[in-house]
Amino acid sequence: MTAQNELRLLPWSGPEGKPCYLSTDDRGGYMSRLADNIEAEQLDTATELLKQAAETLSDEPADPEALQLLARELTGALRDVLRVAASRSHLLEGSEPHRN
């Protein structure tokens, strides 16, 4: 069985919001490529939401309903970006030699 530190955190959650992991040595395999593509889409979405947030916050006065919707969307995007960061950090730790 693959050790926990050898698993890739996937960019989606399983039932009940639990994290999903991929056990493979093939970074070019179907599931790895699918995860890479979804991560790229999540990062693009976060970039667009950041632009939208800057525009919305520069409006005077900002509509409370628009702010609430934006906050919900930004919360979801931040959750996705943090998952991508955790996954990529873990991948880097596994591929780089340890430094003393």
C-alpha atoms as a PDB file:
ATOM      1  CA  MET A   1       0.000   0.000   0.000  1.00  0.00           C
ATOM      2  CA  THR A   2       1.234   3.519  -0.803  1.00  0.00           C
ATOM      3  CA  ALA A   3       2.278   5.663   2.145  1.00  0.00           C
ATOM      4  CA  GLN A   4       0.214   8.792   2.902  1.00  0.00           C
ATOM      5  CA  ASN A   5       3.181  11.037   2.023  1.00  0.00           C
ATOM      6  CA  GLU A   6       3.284   9.496  -1.480  1.00  0.00           C
ATOM      7  CA  LEU A   7      -0.331  10.335  -2.332  1.00  0.00           C
ATOM      8  CA  ARG A   8      -1.368  13.322  -4.438  1.00  0.00           C
ATOM      9  CA  LEU A   9      -4.121  15.499  -3.012  1.00  0.00           C
ATOM     10  CA  LEU A  10      -6.689  15.913  -5.782  1.00  0.00           C
ATOM     11  CA  PRO A  11      -8.418  19.235  -6.526  1.00  0.00           C
ATOM     12  CA  TRP A  12     -11.866  17.956  -5.587  1.00  0.00           C
ATOM     13  CA  SER A  13     -13.520  16.526  -2.516  1.00  0.00           C
ATOM     14  CA  GLY A  14     -15.172  13.206  -2.045  1.00  0.00           C
ATOM     15  CA  PRO A  15     -18.393  12.377  -0.233  1.00  0.00           C
ATOM     16  CA  GLU A  16     -19.008  14.512   2.831  1.00  0.00           C
ATOM     17  CA  GLY A  17     -16.266  16.930   1.746  1.00  0.00           C
ATOM     18  CA  LYS A  18     -13.449  14.526   2.537  1.00  0.00           C
ATOM     19  CA  PRO A  19     -10.186  14.947   0.576  1.00  0.00           C
ATOM     20  CA  CYS A  20      -9.462  12.665  -2.367  1.00  0.00           C
ATOM     21  CA  TYR A  21      -6.001  11.310  -3.090  1.00  0.00           C
ATOM     22  CA  LEU A  22      -4.348   9.694  -6.096  1.00  0.00           C
ATOM     23  CA  SER A  23      -1.795   6.936  -5.743  1.00  0.00           C
ATOM     24  CA  THR A  24       0.349   6.744  -8.861  1.00  0.00           C
ATOM     25  CA  ASP A  25       3.929   7.132 -10.001  1.00  0.00           C
ATOM     26  CA  ASP A  26       2.738   8.251 -13.462  1.00  0.00           C
ATOM     27  CA  ARG A  27       2.471  12.052 -13.430  1.00  0.00           C
ATOM     28  CA  GLY A  28       1.451  11.890 -17.101  1.00  0.00           C
ATOM     29  CA  GLY A  29      -1.390   9.440 -16.523  1.00  0.00           C
ATOM     30  CA  TYR A  30      -5.041  10.230 -17.187  1.00  0.00           C
ATOM     31  CA  MET A  31      -5.993  11.061 -13.591  1.00  0.00           C
ATOM     32  CA  SER A  32      -2.854  13.164 -13.059  1.00  0.00           C
ATOM     33  CA  ARG A  33      -3.565  15.151 -16.232  1.00  0.00           C
ATOM     34  CA  LEU A  34      -7.224  15.549 -15.231  1.00  0.00           C
ATOM     35  CA  ALA A  35      -6.161  16.878 -11.829  1.00  0.00           C
ATOM     36  CA  ASP A  36      -3.644  19.238 -13.485  1.00  0.00           C
ATOM     37  CA  ASN A  37      -6.341  20.599 -15.815  1.00  0.00           C
ATOM     38  CA  ILE A  38      -8.852  21.111 -13.012  1.00  0.00           C
ATOM     39  CA  GLU A  39      -6.209  22.860 -10.897  1.00  0.00           C
ATOM     40  CA  ALA A  40      -5.436  25.183 -13.818  1.00  0.00           C
ATOM     41  CA  GLU A  41      -9.153  25.997 -14.191  1.00  0.00           C
ATOM     42  CA  GLN A  42      -9.451  26.660 -10.460  1.00  0.00           C
ATOM     43  CA  LEU A  43      -6.479  29.044 -10.538  1.00  0.00           C
ATOM     44  CA  ASP A  44      -7.913  30.833 -13.588  1.00  0.00           C
ATOM     45  CA  THR A  45     -11.254  31.220 -11.814  1.00  0.00           C
ATOM     46  CA  ALA A  46      -9.521  32.667  -8.753  1.00  0.00           C
ATOM     47  CA  THR A  47      -7.657  35.151 -10.967  1.00  0.00           C
ATOM     48  CA  GLU A  48     -10.897  36.294 -12.593  1.00  0.00           C
ATOM     49  CA  LEU A  49     -12.646  36.598  -9.223  1.00  0.00           C
ATOM     50  CA  LEU A  50      -9.786  38.713  -7.907  1.00  0.00           C
ATOM     51  CA  LYS A  51     -10.216  41.095 -10.850  1.00  0.00           C
ATOM     52  CA  GLN A  52     -13.976  41.164 -10.257  1.00  0.00           C
ATOM     53  CA  ALA A  53     -13.434  41.871  -6.552  1.00  0.00           C
ATOM     54  CA  ALA A  54     -11.154  44.810  -7.331  1.00  0.00           C
ATOM     55  CA  GLU A  55     -13.761  46.257  -9.723  1.00  0.00           C
ATOM     56  CA  THR A  56     -16.663  45.679  -7.314  1.00  0.00           C
ATOM     57  CA  LEU A  57     -14.830  47.233  -4.387  1.00  0.00           C
ATOM     58  CA  SER A  58     -13.860  50.280  -6.437  1.00  0.00           C
ATOM     59  CA  ASP A  59     -17.545  50.974  -7.191  1.00  0.00           C
ATOM     60  CA  GLU A  60     -19.193  53.529  -4.942  1.00  0.00           C
ATOM     61  CA  PRO A  61     -21.295  52.451  -3.175  1.00  0.00           C
ATOM     62  CA  ALA A  62     -20.937  48.684  -3.470  1.00  0.00           C
ATOM     63  CA  ASP A  63     -24.215  46.759  -3.570  1.00  0.00           C
ATOM     64  CA  PRO A  64     -24.529  44.604  -0.395  1.00  0.00           C
ATOM     65  CA  GLU A  65     -25.997  41.655  -2.340  1.00  0.00           C
ATOM     66  CA  ALA A  66     -23.171  41.812  -4.877  1.00  0.00           C
ATOM     67  CA  LEU A  67     -20.639  41.904  -2.046  1.00  0.00           C
ATOM     68  CA  GLN A  68     -22.229  38.893  -0.362  1.00  0.00           C
ATOM     69  CA  LEU A  69     -22.198  36.885  -3.604  1.00  0.00           C
ATOM     70  CA  LEU A  70     -18.611  37.921  -4.287  1.00  0.00           C
ATOM     71  CA  ALA A  71     -17.578  36.891  -0.764  1.00  0.00           C
ATOM     72  CA  ARG A  72     -19.124  33.424  -1.271  1.00  0.00           C
ATOM     73  CA  GLU A  73     -17.392  33.000  -4.634  1.00  0.00           C
ATOM     74  CA  LEU A  74     -14.059  34.213  -3.249  1.00  0.00           C
ATOM     75  CA  THR A  75     -14.376  31.815  -0.311  1.00  0.00           C
ATOM     76  CA  GLY A  76     -14.825  28.873  -2.682  1.00  0.00           C
ATOM     77  CA  ALA A  77     -11.961  30.037  -4.889  1.00  0.00           C
ATOM     78  CA  LEU A  78      -9.673  30.484  -1.884  1.00  0.00           C
ATOM     79  CA  ARG A  79     -10.517  26.964  -0.687  1.00  0.00           C
ATOM     80  CA  ASP A  80      -9.621  25.614  -4.154  1.00  0.00           C
ATOM     81  CA  VAL A  81      -6.387  27.610  -4.377  1.00  0.00           C
ATOM     82  CA  LEU A  82      -5.300  26.449  -0.922  1.00  0.00           C
ATOM     83  CA  ARG A  83      -5.935  22.837  -1.947  1.00  0.00           C
ATOM     84  CA  VAL A  84      -3.874  23.360  -5.124  1.00  0.00           C
ATOM     85  CA  ALA A  85      -1.074  24.933  -3.072  1.00  0.00           C
ATOM     86  CA  ALA A  86      -1.099  22.053  -0.589  1.00  0.00           C
ATOM     87  CA  SER A  87      -1.068  19.497  -3.384  1.00  0.00           C
ATOM     88  CA  ARG A  88       1.758  21.167  -5.288  1.00  0.00           C
ATOM     89  CA  SER A  89       3.777  21.734  -2.131  1.00  0.00           C
ATOM     90  CA  HIS A  90       3.448  18.045  -1.340  1.00  0.00           C
ATOM     91  CA  LEU A  91       4.498  17.107  -4.889  1.00  0.00           C
ATOM     92  CA  LEU A  92       7.556  19.357  -4.643  1.00  0.00           C
ATOM     93  CA  GLU A  93       8.544  17.872  -1.295  1.00  0.00           C
ATOM     94  CA  GLY A  94       8.448  14.410  -2.827  1.00  0.00           C
ATOM     95  CA  SER A  95      10.496  15.310  -5.902  1.00  0.00           C
ATOM     96  CA  GLU A  96      13.223  17.508  -4.416  1.00  0.00           C
ATOM     97  CA  PRO A  97      16.140  16.184  -2.411  1.00  0.00           C
ATOM     98  CA  HIS A  98      16.006  17.133   1.256  1.00  0.00           C
ATOM     99  CA  ARG A  99      18.368  19.908   2.268  1.00  0.00           C
ATOM    100  CA  ASN A 100      20.071  20.081   5.642  1.00  0.00           C
END
